[in-house]
Amino acid sequence: MKNVSLLFVSTVLLCLVNACSKDDSTTETATTTADEAVVINVSSSQFLSAGLREPITIVSKTLSDGTTADCYKIVTTSLATDHTMGPWCPTNISDDASKGGIWLEGGEAYDVDGAFVKNMATFYKDNTWMMYNATTGAITKTSTQAECQAAANPNVGATYKNYCVECLPSYVADLSHTYYIPVTPKAASSPIAFGSGPNSTGPSSRGIAFNGVVFDAPAPTSVILAAYTLAPFDDAGGHINLAAGYHYHAATGLSTEIAQADGHAGMIGYAMDGYGMYAHFDSTGKAYTDLDASLGHYDSTRGYHYHVDYKGKNNFINSLHGVYVK
């Protein structure tokens, strides 16, 4: 009996030394830092393979704090495969909301139906807006890839004035984008501001949805409107340009979401620093009131994580809590 007991104790000690764990780079694991805060590793298996150009791999990259770390290399198709993309522009001012997308203005999301297009002069208090044929009700919108490219130019000029810009998935079917996120998130010494120009330091992209579509910077709606164009988002909060492909400017609940057993808001992807991104509302429809300036907070189940902004805000998160790949 004594020998059996000694063998049992030795086995327990061996397990404690070796953590009794398997090396699985795609499994979500939790670690504990010196201050006992739980840190959740990125789980590559949560990304949908249909949205990837190639399998996710691990590479060593330099982070924004100068250290090197294992990071996931994620090469995406820039197209959503878990929900329908579009429609964006309705065809006639008689069309209902099912024929168009949404527009984000003043913190609210508006259906871009025929009535919205018809009433744009009133909505924006500017009689220059006239995006439809007064006789037939037909809405003026782009219909080719060349028109999509021209109308999306900030210096579009008079040619595409009063156009609804609709770029289709077929225009970017061969596009791919590569993103890197740390396998294990690491808090920065202070929040990192997102980049917004050629001399910026932080990244522009906010994160990646599980379908591989990027959570992008706020759409330049003032620039779009200044050209008397409208570039609606679909009901999932995304639209297309020829460089970025399909990308999100709002989280509306249509992309893949991982439900949480405790009623917490569902998980929708990862930020560029590797911390999880979760929906705005919890399972009862309540918003979180204890978020920090980055729009994140901590709990012992998920570690530090973000909650994306309300869909009408044209925003996801305000800054990065962690370091990112340079």
Protein backbone atom coordinates (compact mmCIF):
# COMPACT_ATOMS: atom_id res chain seq x y z
CA MET A 1 0.00 0.00 0.00
CA LYS A 2 2.87 2.39 0.87
CA ASN A 3 4.50 1.78 -2.53
CA VAL A 4 1.20 2.50 -4.30
CA SER A 5 0.81 5.73 -2.31
CA LEU A 6 4.34 6.82 -3.15
CA LEU A 7 3.70 6.09 -6.82
CA PHE A 8 0.50 8.13 -6.71
CA VAL A 9 2.25 11.09 -5.03
CA SER A 10 5.11 10.92 -7.54
CA THR A 11 2.64 10.93 -10.42
CA VAL A 12 0.81 13.96 -9.00
CA LEU A 13 4.09 15.84 -8.54
CA LEU A 14 5.14 15.00 -12.09
CA CYS A 15 1.83 16.31 -13.39
CA LEU A 16 2.25 19.53 -11.43
CA VAL A 17 5.74 20.07 -12.83
CA ASN A 18 4.65 19.41 -16.41
CA ALA A 19 1.20 21.03 -16.02
CA CYS A 20 -0.34 17.77 -17.31
CA SER A 21 -1.26 19.58 -20.52
CA LYS A 22 -1.08 18.93 -24.22
CA ASP A 23 0.42 21.36 -26.73
CA ASP A 24 -2.53 22.36 -28.92
CA SER A 25 -2.05 25.69 -30.67
CA THR A 26 -5.67 25.87 -31.83
CA THR A 27 -7.28 25.19 -28.45
CA GLU A 28 -8.58 28.06 -26.35
CA THR A 29 -6.53 28.00 -23.15
CA ALA A 30 -6.33 30.22 -20.10
CA THR A 31 -3.18 31.41 -18.39
CA THR A 32 -2.73 33.44 -15.24
CA THR A 33 -0.47 36.48 -15.02
CA ALA A 34 1.28 37.74 -11.91
CA ASP A 35 -1.80 39.70 -10.84
CA GLU A 36 -4.00 36.58 -11.25
CA ALA A 37 -5.83 38.01 -14.26
CA VAL A 38 -7.01 35.27 -16.63
CA VAL A 39 -5.76 35.62 -20.21
CA ILE A 40 -7.54 33.65 -22.93
CA ASN A 41 -5.51 32.54 -25.95
CA VAL A 42 -6.87 33.08 -29.44
CA SER A 43 -8.52 29.91 -30.72
CA SER A 44 -7.80 29.56 -34.43
CA SER A 45 -10.39 26.78 -34.77
CA GLN A 46 -13.16 29.35 -34.25
CA PHE A 47 -12.49 30.92 -37.65
CA LEU A 48 -14.62 29.54 -40.48
CA SER A 49 -12.50 27.73 -43.06
CA ALA A 50 -14.75 28.93 -45.89
CA GLY A 51 -13.55 32.49 -45.29
CA LEU A 52 -9.85 31.60 -45.48
CA ARG A 53 -7.55 31.44 -48.50
CA GLU A 54 -5.22 29.03 -46.71
CA PRO A 55 -5.03 27.28 -43.32
CA ILE A 56 -4.10 29.48 -40.37
CA THR A 57 -0.47 29.09 -39.32
CA ILE A 58 1.72 30.31 -36.46
CA VAL A 59 4.64 32.63 -37.21
CA SER A 60 6.96 34.69 -35.04
CA LYS A 61 6.35 38.44 -35.34
CA THR A 62 7.52 41.63 -33.65
CA LEU A 63 4.91 43.28 -31.44
CA SER A 64 4.36 46.97 -30.87
CA ASP A 65 6.28 46.85 -27.57
CA GLY A 66 9.39 45.52 -29.33
CA THR A 67 9.08 41.92 -28.14
CA THR A 68 8.58 38.92 -30.40
CA ALA A 69 5.77 36.42 -30.01
CA ASP A 70 3.94 33.59 -31.73
CA CYS A 71 1.18 35.05 -33.88
CA TYR A 72 -1.52 33.64 -36.09
CA LYS A 73 -1.22 34.40 -39.79
CA ILE A 74 -4.76 34.66 -41.13
CA VAL A 75 -5.25 34.97 -44.89
CA THR A 76 -8.87 35.77 -45.71
CA THR A 77 -11.04 35.95 -48.80
CA SER A 78 -12.58 39.26 -47.65
CA LEU A 79 -16.04 37.85 -48.36
CA ALA A 80 -18.64 36.67 -45.85
CA THR A 81 -19.71 33.04 -46.15
CA ASP A 82 -22.03 32.83 -43.13
CA HIS A 83 -24.63 35.37 -44.25
CA THR A 84 -25.90 37.03 -47.41
CA MET A 85 -23.98 40.10 -48.54
CA GLY A 86 -26.21 42.91 -49.76
CA PRO A 87 -28.48 44.32 -50.94
CA TRP A 88 -27.25 47.87 -50.54
CA CYS A 89 -29.14 50.26 -52.83
CA PRO A 90 -32.87 49.88 -53.49
CA THR A 91 -34.00 50.09 -57.11
CA ASN A 92 -37.09 52.28 -56.81
CA ILE A 93 -38.50 54.73 -54.28
CA SER A 94 -41.40 52.30 -53.83
CA ASP A 95 -39.07 49.55 -52.53
CA ASP A 96 -39.36 48.39 -48.93
CA ALA A 97 -36.48 47.81 -46.49
CA SER A 98 -35.80 44.30 -47.82
CA LYS A 99 -34.48 45.80 -51.07
CA GLY A 100 -31.79 47.97 -49.48
CA GLY A 101 -29.30 48.12 -46.64
CA ILE A 102 -28.76 50.56 -43.79
CA TRP A 103 -27.14 53.96 -43.27
CA LEU A 104 -25.44 55.13 -40.07
CA GLU A 105 -26.13 58.69 -39.03
CA GLY A 106 -26.11 60.47 -35.68
CA GLY A 107 -25.67 57.27 -33.70
CA GLU A 108 -28.63 55.54 -35.34
CA ALA A 109 -29.01 52.93 -38.08
CA TYR A 110 -31.61 53.79 -40.72
CA ASP A 111 -33.13 51.44 -43.29
CA VAL A 112 -32.15 52.52 -46.79
CA ASP A 113 -35.50 51.79 -48.39
CA GLY A 114 -37.11 53.72 -51.22
CA ALA A 115 -38.66 56.22 -48.83
CA PHE A 116 -35.26 57.02 -47.28
CA VAL A 117 -33.78 57.83 -50.70
CA LYS A 118 -36.84 59.85 -51.67
CA ASN A 119 -36.63 61.93 -48.49
CA MET A 120 -32.87 62.57 -48.42
CA ALA A 121 -33.29 66.26 -49.23
CA THR A 122 -35.47 66.62 -46.15
CA PHE A 123 -33.33 64.32 -44.00
CA TYR A 124 -30.16 66.32 -44.71
CA LYS A 125 -31.91 69.67 -45.16
CA ASP A 126 -30.30 70.10 -48.58
CA ASN A 127 -32.32 70.26 -51.79
CA THR A 128 -29.29 69.19 -53.84
CA TRP A 129 -30.16 65.60 -52.97
CA MET A 130 -32.17 64.04 -55.80
CA MET A 131 -31.11 60.43 -56.28
CA TYR A 132 -34.08 59.18 -58.29
CA ASN A 133 -36.11 59.83 -61.42
CA ALA A 134 -39.09 61.94 -60.43
CA THR A 135 -41.24 60.36 -63.16
CA THR A 136 -40.44 56.66 -62.80
CA GLY A 137 -39.13 56.57 -59.23
CA ALA A 138 -36.03 54.67 -60.41
CA ILE A 139 -33.07 55.22 -58.09
CA THR A 140 -29.77 56.23 -59.69
CA LYS A 141 -27.09 53.75 -58.69
CA THR A 142 -23.89 52.18 -59.93
CA SER A 143 -24.33 49.03 -61.99
CA THR A 144 -20.82 48.03 -63.13
CA GLN A 145 -17.40 47.51 -61.56
CA ALA A 146 -16.05 50.57 -63.38
CA GLU A 147 -18.87 52.71 -61.99
CA CYS A 148 -18.27 51.28 -58.52
CA GLN A 149 -14.60 52.25 -58.69
CA ALA A 150 -15.29 55.72 -60.05
CA ALA A 151 -18.12 56.57 -57.67
CA ALA A 152 -16.15 55.42 -54.62
CA ASN A 153 -13.41 57.97 -55.38
CA PRO A 154 -13.52 60.84 -52.83
CA ASN A 155 -12.92 63.25 -55.72
CA VAL A 156 -15.76 61.81 -57.75
CA GLY A 157 -16.86 65.16 -59.15
CA ALA A 158 -20.17 65.86 -60.86
CA THR A 159 -20.32 62.66 -62.93
CA TYR A 160 -21.58 60.51 -60.06
CA LYS A 161 -23.31 63.19 -58.05
CA ASN A 162 -26.54 61.83 -56.56
CA TYR A 163 -25.57 58.19 -57.06
CA CYS A 164 -26.16 55.31 -54.71
CA VAL A 165 -22.90 53.32 -54.71
CA GLU A 166 -23.30 49.55 -54.78
CA CYS A 167 -20.22 47.36 -55.30
CA LEU A 168 -20.87 43.64 -55.71
CA PRO A 169 -19.04 40.60 -54.27
CA SER A 170 -18.18 39.39 -57.78
CA TYR A 171 -15.93 42.44 -58.22
CA VAL A 172 -13.57 41.26 -55.45
CA ALA A 173 -13.88 37.47 -55.76
CA ASP A 174 -10.11 37.02 -56.17
CA LEU A 175 -9.06 39.43 -53.42
CA SER A 176 -7.26 38.28 -50.28
CA HIS A 177 -5.91 40.00 -47.16
CA THR A 178 -3.38 38.84 -44.58
CA TYR A 179 -3.70 39.67 -40.88
CA TYR A 180 -1.53 38.79 -37.88
CA ILE A 181 -2.77 38.60 -34.30
CA PRO A 182 -0.87 37.42 -31.20
CA VAL A 183 -1.73 33.89 -30.06
CA THR A 184 -1.61 35.08 -26.44
CA PRO A 185 -2.87 38.63 -25.79
CA LYS A 186 -0.54 40.89 -23.85
CA ALA A 187 -1.67 44.10 -22.18
CA ALA A 188 0.03 47.29 -23.33
CA SER A 189 1.40 49.80 -20.83
CA SER A 190 -1.38 52.18 -21.92
CA PRO A 191 -4.21 52.06 -24.48
CA ILE A 192 -3.03 52.21 -28.10
CA ALA A 193 -4.81 54.64 -30.41
CA PHE A 194 -5.83 53.40 -33.83
CA GLY A 195 -4.06 54.78 -36.87
CA SER A 196 -5.81 57.11 -39.27
CA GLY A 197 -3.13 58.28 -41.68
CA PRO A 198 0.25 57.57 -43.30
CA ASN A 199 2.21 58.63 -40.18
CA SER A 200 -0.01 56.86 -37.66
CA THR A 201 1.41 54.28 -35.27
CA GLY A 202 -1.54 52.04 -34.38
CA PRO A 203 -3.33 49.71 -36.78
CA SER A 204 -6.35 50.88 -38.75
CA SER A 205 -8.32 47.63 -38.60
CA ARG A 206 -10.08 46.95 -35.31
CA GLY A 207 -10.34 43.18 -35.49
CA ILE A 208 -11.46 40.13 -37.45
CA ALA A 209 -14.84 38.39 -37.40
CA PHE A 210 -14.98 34.61 -37.28
CA ASN A 211 -15.91 34.59 -40.98
CA GLY A 212 -12.63 36.35 -41.82
CA VAL A 213 -14.20 39.74 -42.57
CA VAL A 214 -12.38 42.68 -41.01
CA PHE A 215 -13.97 45.00 -38.45
CA ASP A 216 -12.81 48.20 -40.11
CA ALA A 217 -12.22 51.80 -39.09
CA PRO A 218 -15.26 54.11 -39.11
CA ALA A 219 -16.59 54.73 -42.61
CA PRO A 220 -15.80 58.26 -43.89
CA THR A 221 -19.49 59.11 -44.11
CA SER A 222 -18.91 62.88 -44.21
CA VAL A 223 -16.67 62.48 -47.28
CA ILE A 224 -19.22 60.22 -48.96
CA LEU A 225 -22.05 62.65 -48.31
CA ALA A 226 -19.99 65.68 -49.35
CA ALA A 227 -19.81 64.19 -52.85
CA TYR A 228 -23.61 63.75 -52.83
CA THR A 229 -23.24 60.00 -52.96
CA LEU A 230 -24.57 57.32 -50.64
CA ALA A 231 -22.69 54.07 -49.99
CA PRO A 232 -25.06 52.04 -47.79
CA PHE A 233 -24.05 49.11 -45.62
CA ASP A 234 -25.99 45.88 -45.87
CA ASP A 235 -28.03 44.60 -42.93
CA ALA A 236 -24.89 42.93 -41.55
CA GLY A 237 -23.12 46.31 -41.40
CA GLY A 238 -20.79 45.69 -44.34
CA HIS A 239 -20.12 47.00 -47.81
CA ILE A 240 -17.50 46.59 -50.51
CA ASN A 241 -14.76 48.64 -52.06
CA LEU A 242 -12.33 47.26 -54.59
CA ALA A 243 -9.27 47.54 -52.33
CA ALA A 244 -10.66 46.33 -49.00
CA GLY A 245 -13.23 43.88 -50.32
CA TYR A 246 -16.22 43.26 -48.10
CA HIS A 247 -15.68 44.80 -44.66
CA TYR A 248 -17.77 45.76 -41.63
CA HIS A 249 -18.48 49.18 -40.16
CA ALA A 250 -21.09 47.96 -37.68
CA ALA A 251 -21.91 44.76 -35.81
CA THR A 252 -25.61 43.98 -36.25
CA GLY A 253 -25.74 40.35 -35.12
CA LEU A 254 -25.75 38.62 -38.51
CA SER A 255 -22.16 37.32 -38.56
CA THR A 256 -21.17 34.17 -36.65
CA GLU A 257 -21.61 34.63 -32.92
CA ILE A 258 -20.58 32.17 -30.19
CA ALA A 259 -23.18 32.11 -27.41
CA GLN A 260 -21.99 32.20 -23.80
CA ALA A 261 -23.44 29.75 -21.28
CA ASP A 262 -23.76 32.40 -18.57
CA GLY A 263 -25.90 34.81 -20.61
CA HIS A 264 -23.00 37.11 -21.38
CA ALA A 265 -22.99 38.74 -24.82
CA GLY A 266 -21.94 36.42 -27.62
CA MET A 267 -18.40 36.42 -28.99
CA ILE A 268 -18.06 37.73 -32.56
CA GLY A 269 -14.30 37.73 -33.23
CA TYR A 270 -10.92 38.98 -32.07
CA ALA A 271 -9.37 42.43 -31.92
CA MET A 272 -5.97 42.98 -33.53
CA ASP A 273 -4.31 42.55 -30.12
CA GLY A 274 -5.84 39.08 -29.68
CA TYR A 275 -8.41 39.99 -27.04
CA GLY A 276 -11.94 38.75 -27.70
CA MET A 277 -14.64 40.95 -29.20
CA TYR A 278 -18.20 40.47 -27.98
CA ALA A 279 -21.59 41.84 -28.97
CA HIS A 280 -22.94 45.09 -27.55
CA PHE A 281 -25.87 43.59 -25.63
CA ASP A 282 -26.06 40.59 -23.30
CA SER A 283 -28.62 37.81 -23.79
CA THR A 284 -31.33 39.88 -22.06
CA GLY A 285 -30.78 42.92 -24.27
CA LYS A 286 -28.87 44.98 -21.71
CA ALA A 287 -25.77 47.00 -22.58
CA TYR A 288 -22.69 46.93 -20.35
CA THR A 289 -22.09 49.99 -18.19
CA ASP A 290 -18.66 49.19 -16.73
CA LEU A 291 -16.55 49.41 -19.89
CA ASP A 292 -13.25 51.27 -19.93
CA ALA A 293 -12.22 53.91 -22.47
CA SER A 294 -11.30 51.20 -25.00
CA LEU A 295 -14.81 49.66 -24.61
CA GLY A 296 -13.51 46.64 -22.72
CA HIS A 297 -13.67 45.07 -19.28
CA TYR A 298 -12.52 41.94 -17.44
CA ASP A 299 -14.19 38.88 -16.01
CA SER A 300 -12.75 35.61 -14.74
CA THR A 301 -14.34 33.54 -17.53
CA ARG A 302 -13.25 35.52 -20.59
CA GLY A 303 -10.37 37.57 -19.21
CA TYR A 304 -10.11 41.06 -20.64
CA HIS A 305 -12.38 41.50 -23.66
CA TYR A 306 -14.22 44.15 -25.65
CA HIS A 307 -17.87 44.91 -26.29
CA VAL A 308 -18.45 46.54 -29.66
CA ASP A 309 -20.19 49.88 -29.88
CA TYR A 310 -23.89 50.21 -30.73
CA LYS A 311 -24.47 49.51 -34.42
CA GLY A 312 -25.47 53.09 -35.25
CA LYS A 313 -22.18 54.54 -33.99
CA ASN A 314 -20.05 53.60 -37.05
CA ASN A 315 -17.52 52.23 -34.57
CA PHE A 316 -16.41 49.01 -32.91
CA ILE A 317 -13.88 49.76 -30.17
CA ASN A 318 -12.06 52.96 -29.23
CA SER A 319 -8.47 51.75 -28.75
CA LEU A 320 -6.43 48.61 -28.16
CA HIS A 321 -5.87 47.33 -24.65
CA GLY A 322 -3.03 45.09 -25.81
CA VAL A 323 0.02 45.15 -28.03
CA TYR A 324 -0.37 44.31 -31.71
CA VAL A 325 1.78 43.05 -34.57
CA LYS A 326 3.82 45.82 -36.15
